[in-house]
Protein backbone atom coordinates (compact mmCIF):
# COMPACT_ATOMS: atom_id res chain seq x y z
CA UNK A 1 0.26 0.04 0.18
CA UNK A 2 1.83 3.38 -1.14
CA UNK A 3 0.47 5.11 1.98
CA UNK A 4 3.30 7.06 2.38
CA UNK A 5 2.29 9.66 0.09
CA UNK A 6 2.56 13.39 1.29
CA UNK A 7 -1.24 14.54 1.99
CA UNK A 8 -0.33 17.46 0.86
CA UNK A 9 -0.76 16.96 -2.78
CA UNK A 10 -3.12 15.49 -2.46
CA UNK A 11 -5.27 18.75 -1.30
CA UNK A 12 -3.80 21.04 -3.59
CA UNK A 13 -5.43 18.65 -6.65
CA UNK A 14 -8.30 19.05 -4.80
CA UNK A 15 -8.93 22.21 -4.30
CA UNK A 16 -7.29 23.34 -7.12
CA UNK A 17 -8.42 20.90 -10.24
CA UNK A 18 -11.03 18.38 -8.74
CA UNK A 19 -12.89 21.37 -7.00
CA UNK A 20 -12.54 24.61 -9.28
CA UNK A 21 -11.98 23.11 -12.26
CA UNK A 22 -14.17 20.07 -12.68
CA UNK A 23 -16.52 20.58 -10.51
CA UNK A 24 -17.15 24.50 -10.84
CA UNK A 25 -18.11 24.86 -7.36
CA UNK A 26 -19.47 28.04 -5.97
CA UNK A 27 -16.59 30.42 -3.79
CA UNK A 28 -19.11 29.79 -0.69
CA UNK A 29 -18.81 26.01 -0.95
CA UNK A 30 -14.55 25.63 -1.36
CA UNK A 31 -14.43 27.49 1.38
CA UNK A 32 -16.66 25.33 3.17
CA UNK A 33 -14.35 22.11 2.06
CA UNK A 34 -11.21 24.66 3.14
CA UNK A 35 -12.40 24.42 6.69
CA UNK A 36 -13.18 21.11 7.07
CA UNK A 37 -10.19 20.10 5.71
CA UNK A 38 -7.99 22.69 7.70
CA UNK A 39 -9.88 21.53 11.32
CA UNK A 40 -9.02 17.98 10.08
CA UNK A 41 -5.22 18.32 9.41
CA UNK A 42 -5.14 20.17 12.57
CA UNK A 43 -6.24 17.59 14.82
CA UNK A 44 -4.16 14.82 13.01
CA UNK A 45 -0.85 16.78 13.47
CA UNK A 46 -1.58 17.32 17.11
CA UNK A 47 -2.65 13.37 17.24
CA UNK A 48 0.50 12.27 14.99
CA UNK A 49 3.00 15.36 16.76
CA UNK A 50 3.69 16.09 13.27
CA UNK A 51 3.34 19.54 11.14
CA UNK A 52 0.50 20.06 9.17
CA UNK A 53 2.92 19.59 5.27
CA UNK A 54 4.61 16.37 6.88
CA UNK A 55 1.09 14.21 7.30
CA UNK A 56 1.04 11.38 4.75
CA UNK A 57 -1.57 8.95 3.78
CA UNK A 58 -1.06 6.60 6.35
CA UNK A 59 -1.79 8.92 9.08
CA UNK A 60 -5.46 9.16 7.91
CA UNK A 61 -8.02 6.20 9.00
CA UNK A 62 -11.25 5.59 9.78
CA UNK A 63 -11.08 5.41 13.99
CA UNK A 64 -8.60 8.53 13.59
CA UNK A 65 -11.41 10.65 11.65
CA UNK A 66 -13.81 9.17 13.78
CA UNK A 67 -11.91 10.59 16.84
CA UNK A 68 -11.85 13.79 15.33
CA UNK A 69 -15.75 14.16 14.44
CA UNK A 70 -16.20 13.39 18.34
CA UNK A 71 -14.34 16.18 19.12
CA UNK A 72 -15.99 18.93 16.98
CA UNK A 73 -18.99 17.49 19.07
CA UNK A 74 -17.56 17.33 22.35
CA UNK A 75 -14.46 19.57 22.02
CA UNK A 76 -15.21 22.24 19.60
CA UNK A 77 -19.01 22.48 20.53
CA UNK A 78 -20.78 21.26 17.39
CA UNK A 79 -24.00 20.20 16.87
CA UNK A 80 -24.85 17.13 14.65
CA UNK A 81 -25.96 19.18 11.80
CA UNK A 82 -22.30 20.43 11.69
CA UNK A 83 -20.82 16.81 12.62
CA UNK A 84 -22.42 15.15 9.57
CA UNK A 85 -21.61 19.03 6.89
CA UNK A 86 -17.57 18.51 7.75
CA UNK A 87 -18.55 14.34 6.93
CA UNK A 88 -20.14 15.03 4.18
CA UNK A 89 -16.72 17.28 2.81
CA UNK A 90 -14.14 14.93 4.29
CA UNK A 91 -16.53 12.13 2.30
CA UNK A 92 -15.78 13.83 -0.82
CA UNK A 93 -12.21 14.54 -0.03
CA UNK A 94 -11.51 11.03 0.30
CA UNK A 95 -14.11 9.72 -2.53
CA UNK A 96 -11.05 11.80 -4.41
CA UNK A 97 -8.21 10.54 -2.92
CA UNK A 98 -9.07 6.63 -3.28
CA UNK A 99 -9.79 8.12 -7.13
CA UNK A 100 -6.38 9.20 -7.57
CA UNK A 101 -4.42 6.39 -5.36
CA UNK A 102 -6.23 3.52 -5.76
CA UNK A 103 -3.93 1.76 -3.37
CA UNK A 104 -5.51 3.45 -0.48
CA UNK A 105 -8.89 2.57 -1.72
CA UNK A 106 -9.38 0.26 1.00
CA UNK A 107 -8.65 2.66 3.92
CA UNK A 108 -10.37 5.73 1.83
CA UNK A 109 -13.18 3.69 1.86
CA UNK A 110 -13.79 2.50 5.34
CA UNK A 111 -13.93 6.28 6.34
CA UNK A 112 -16.65 7.34 3.12
CA UNK A 113 -18.66 4.70 4.87
CA UNK A 114 -18.62 6.03 8.06
CA UNK A 115 -22.65 6.70 9.08
CA UNK A 116 -24.15 10.51 9.08
CA UNK A 117 -25.37 11.05 12.98
CA UNK A 118 -29.22 10.75 13.08
CA UNK A 119 -30.03 14.20 13.91
CA UNK A 120 -33.69 16.09 15.38
CA UNK A 121 -35.25 18.17 12.35
CA UNK A 122 -36.29 21.64 14.62
CA UNK A 123 -39.59 23.14 13.19
CA UNK A 124 -38.81 26.77 11.53
CA UNK A 125 -41.25 29.57 12.61
CA UNK A 126 -42.21 31.78 11.06
CA UNK A 127 -43.73 35.45 11.14
CA UNK A 128 -47.34 36.27 11.26
CA UNK A 129 -47.75 39.83 9.03
CA UNK A 130 -48.31 42.06 11.74
CA UNK A 131 -44.81 40.78 13.27
CA UNK A 132 -42.55 41.45 10.37
CA UNK A 133 -44.73 44.79 10.47
CA UNK A 134 -43.46 45.89 14.05
CA UNK A 135 -40.10 44.50 13.54
CA UNK A 136 -39.42 46.81 10.56
CA UNK A 137 -41.66 50.18 12.77
CA UNK A 138 -39.04 49.08 15.53
CA UNK A 139 -36.31 50.91 12.91
CA UNK A 140 -35.00 54.41 13.74
CA UNK A 141 -34.49 56.10 9.96
CA UNK A 142 -31.78 58.68 12.13
CA UNK A 143 -29.78 56.27 13.21
CA UNK A 144 -26.07 55.83 12.24
CA UNK A 145 -27.58 52.52 9.97
CA UNK A 146 -31.25 52.67 10.38
CA UNK A 147 -31.70 53.19 6.56
CA UNK A 148 -29.32 50.58 5.60
CA UNK A 149 -31.33 48.12 8.21
CA UNK A 150 -34.82 48.98 7.17
CA UNK A 151 -33.63 48.38 3.34
CA UNK A 152 -32.16 44.70 3.90
CA UNK A 153 -35.13 43.73 6.66
CA UNK A 154 -37.88 44.95 4.17
CA UNK A 155 -35.37 43.66 1.34
CA UNK A 156 -35.27 39.71 2.77
CA UNK A 157 -39.09 40.15 4.00
CA UNK A 158 -40.02 40.96 0.20
CA UNK A 159 -38.00 38.47 -1.01
CA UNK A 160 -37.24 35.31 0.68
CA UNK A 161 -33.75 35.56 0.11
CA UNK A 162 -31.67 33.42 2.06
CA UNK A 163 -28.40 35.10 3.85
CA UNK A 164 -26.40 34.66 1.28
CA UNK A 165 -27.81 35.84 -1.49
CA UNK A 166 -27.89 39.12 0.95
CA UNK A 167 -24.50 38.94 1.38
CA UNK A 168 -23.47 38.55 -2.30
CA UNK A 169 -25.63 40.74 -4.01
CA UNK A 170 -24.73 43.92 -6.31
CA UNK A 171 -26.42 47.01 -7.61
CA UNK A 172 -26.24 45.44 -10.95
CA UNK A 173 -28.43 43.03 -10.15
CA UNK A 174 -31.36 44.57 -8.85
CA UNK A 175 -33.54 46.40 -11.40
CA UNK A 176 -34.81 49.85 -9.86
CA UNK A 177 -37.25 51.08 -12.45
CA UNK A 178 -40.06 49.49 -13.72
CA UNK A 179 -40.65 46.38 -13.94
CA UNK A 180 -39.05 46.35 -10.50
CA UNK A 181 -36.57 43.03 -9.49
CA UNK A 182 -34.13 41.59 -8.65
CA UNK A 183 -31.01 38.75 -9.91
CA UNK A 184 -30.41 36.13 -6.70
CA UNK A 185 -27.61 33.66 -6.89
CA UNK A 186 -28.88 31.05 -4.84
CA UNK A 187 -26.88 27.14 -4.07
CA UNK A 188 -24.92 25.60 -6.66
CA UNK A 189 -25.28 28.98 -8.39
CA UNK A 190 -28.95 28.87 -9.46
CA UNK A 191 -30.29 32.42 -10.62
CA UNK A 192 -33.57 34.00 -10.75
CA UNK A 193 -35.63 36.97 -10.70
CA UNK A 194 -37.99 37.80 -7.88
CA UNK A 195 -40.05 41.03 -8.29
CA UNK A 196 -39.43 44.47 -6.07
CA UNK A 197 -42.28 45.88 -4.65
CA UNK A 198 -41.75 49.99 -5.17
CA UNK A 199 -41.74 50.22 -1.40
CA UNK A 200 -38.71 48.11 -1.47
CA UNK A 201 -37.47 49.92 -4.12
CA UNK A 202 -38.14 53.38 -2.44
CA UNK A 203 -35.72 52.48 0.73
CA UNK A 204 -33.45 50.96 -1.63
CA UNK A 205 -33.02 53.94 -2.84
CA UNK A 206 -33.37 56.10 -0.04
CA UNK A 207 -30.67 53.90 1.56
CA UNK A 208 -27.91 54.62 -1.67
CA UNK A 209 -28.73 58.14 -1.22
CA UNK A 210 -27.40 58.53 2.55
CA UNK A 211 -24.58 55.77 2.00
CA UNK A 212 -21.29 57.91 2.30
CA UNK A 213 -18.64 57.85 -0.66
CA UNK A 214 -16.50 54.37 0.96
CA UNK A 215 -19.65 52.57 0.59
CA UNK A 216 -21.35 54.07 -2.35
CA UNK A 217 -18.33 52.75 -4.37
CA UNK A 218 -18.61 49.20 -3.57
CA UNK A 219 -20.66 47.12 -5.78
CA UNK A 220 -22.14 45.41 -2.53
CA UNK A 221 -25.75 46.06 -1.46
CA UNK A 222 -25.76 45.87 2.00
CA UNK A 223 -22.44 47.00 3.32
CA UNK A 224 -21.61 47.11 7.14
CA UNK A 225 -20.16 50.66 9.38
CA UNK A 226 -16.45 50.66 7.34
CA UNK A 227 -17.88 50.44 4.16
CA UNK A 228 -17.24 46.38 3.92
CA UNK A 229 -20.03 44.08 2.36
CA UNK A 230 -21.57 42.51 5.37
CA UNK A 231 -21.23 39.49 6.73
CA UNK A 232 -23.75 36.40 7.45
CA UNK A 233 -23.23 37.29 11.03
CA UNK A 234 -23.70 40.72 10.28
CA UNK A 235 -27.53 40.13 8.57
CA UNK A 236 -28.37 37.26 11.59
CA UNK A 237 -27.33 40.26 14.45
CA UNK A 238 -29.72 42.89 12.57
CA UNK A 239 -32.94 40.34 12.52
CA UNK A 240 -32.44 39.58 15.95
CA UNK A 241 -31.52 42.82 17.26
CA UNK A 242 -34.77 44.14 15.89
CA UNK A 243 -36.88 41.39 16.31
CA UNK A 244 -35.77 42.11 20.16
CA UNK A 245 -36.87 45.45 19.89
CA UNK A 246 -40.43 45.02 18.09
CA UNK A 247 -40.68 42.40 21.17
CA UNK A 248 -41.49 45.08 23.44
CA UNK A 249 -44.57 46.49 21.21
CA UNK A 250 -45.76 42.89 19.95
CA UNK A 251 -45.25 40.55 22.56
CA UNK A 252 -45.55 37.60 20.16
CA UNK A 253 -42.33 38.30 19.49
CA UNK A 254 -40.59 37.42 22.24
CA UNK A 255 -41.68 33.58 22.46
CA UNK A 256 -40.25 33.43 19.22
CA UNK A 257 -36.12 32.57 17.57
CA UNK A 258 -36.69 34.84 15.14
CA UNK A 259 -33.97 34.70 12.48
CA UNK A 260 -33.56 35.59 8.49
CA UNK A 261 -34.78 31.78 8.07
CA UNK A 262 -38.20 33.14 10.20
CA UNK A 263 -38.30 35.87 7.63
CA UNK A 264 -38.17 33.96 4.43
CA UNK A 265 -40.45 31.34 5.31
CA UNK A 266 -43.07 33.84 6.21
CA UNK A 267 -46.20 32.16 4.66
CA UNK A 268 -47.11 35.94 3.58
CA UNK A 269 -43.89 37.12 1.88
CA UNK A 270 -44.95 38.42 -1.26
CA UNK A 271 -47.60 40.54 0.21
CA UNK A 272 -46.37 43.84 1.34
CA UNK A 273 -47.63 44.58 5.09
CA UNK A 274 -50.93 46.95 5.00
CA UNK A 275 -50.18 50.43 5.64
CA UNK A 276 -46.70 49.92 5.63
CA UNK A 277 -44.51 52.66 3.42
CA UNK A 278 -40.78 53.25 3.03
CA UNK A 279 -38.70 55.16 4.91
CA UNK A 280 -37.84 58.32 3.07
């Protein structure tokens, strides 16, 4: 068995040739594979007392990968779903290794045969129309980021966009003249067009007019206080912040765990709330 080959070569080919050139995966998907392998390499390096660039195929087997998965849950505090996502990435990598080096196919197969852990599916709570209105009305347009936050929340409610779709959104994706619409790029680089309410367009235009010069030069629609593209964590924080604030006037929000997913799963997400107008 030719298991003494340095694993660095396979890692490099996996990212440069397989994921990028052959499969053409999105940047964010590739980053997920990168993070998974980074964590595994760091773990195996500690277990073997070898630097990551000296690790060989012989250092990796099913038992060590199982220990790594346990480490994710017990030490890093990851949930079962995160564990399964990491394992799915490792399966892809070791299937690739097996195809490149058939002499280690059995070793790779044992890793790929590690079963996913059963997870409990949680029900995503949706928001009632009046709850979304309360969240939108809780935004102070005179606060430093009020216009951005209002436009962002209304955009999420209008389009049902995923967090990453809002993060990746650029000015060129918007059509702010009739017919109002936005091009969203989702998982697997699949694109779809979504209509925009006139109120959403008005909120976006107001936000753009008041952005500072640094932010205005950015292609991204939603930017943070430093003029950089907003992050997924930033959007989650904004949604939770205003949900908590709105809970003071809308008590039903206090019993719900409000996330961006809650907004996009609203059963009336294509109906503009009655009486709600864009901030001017």
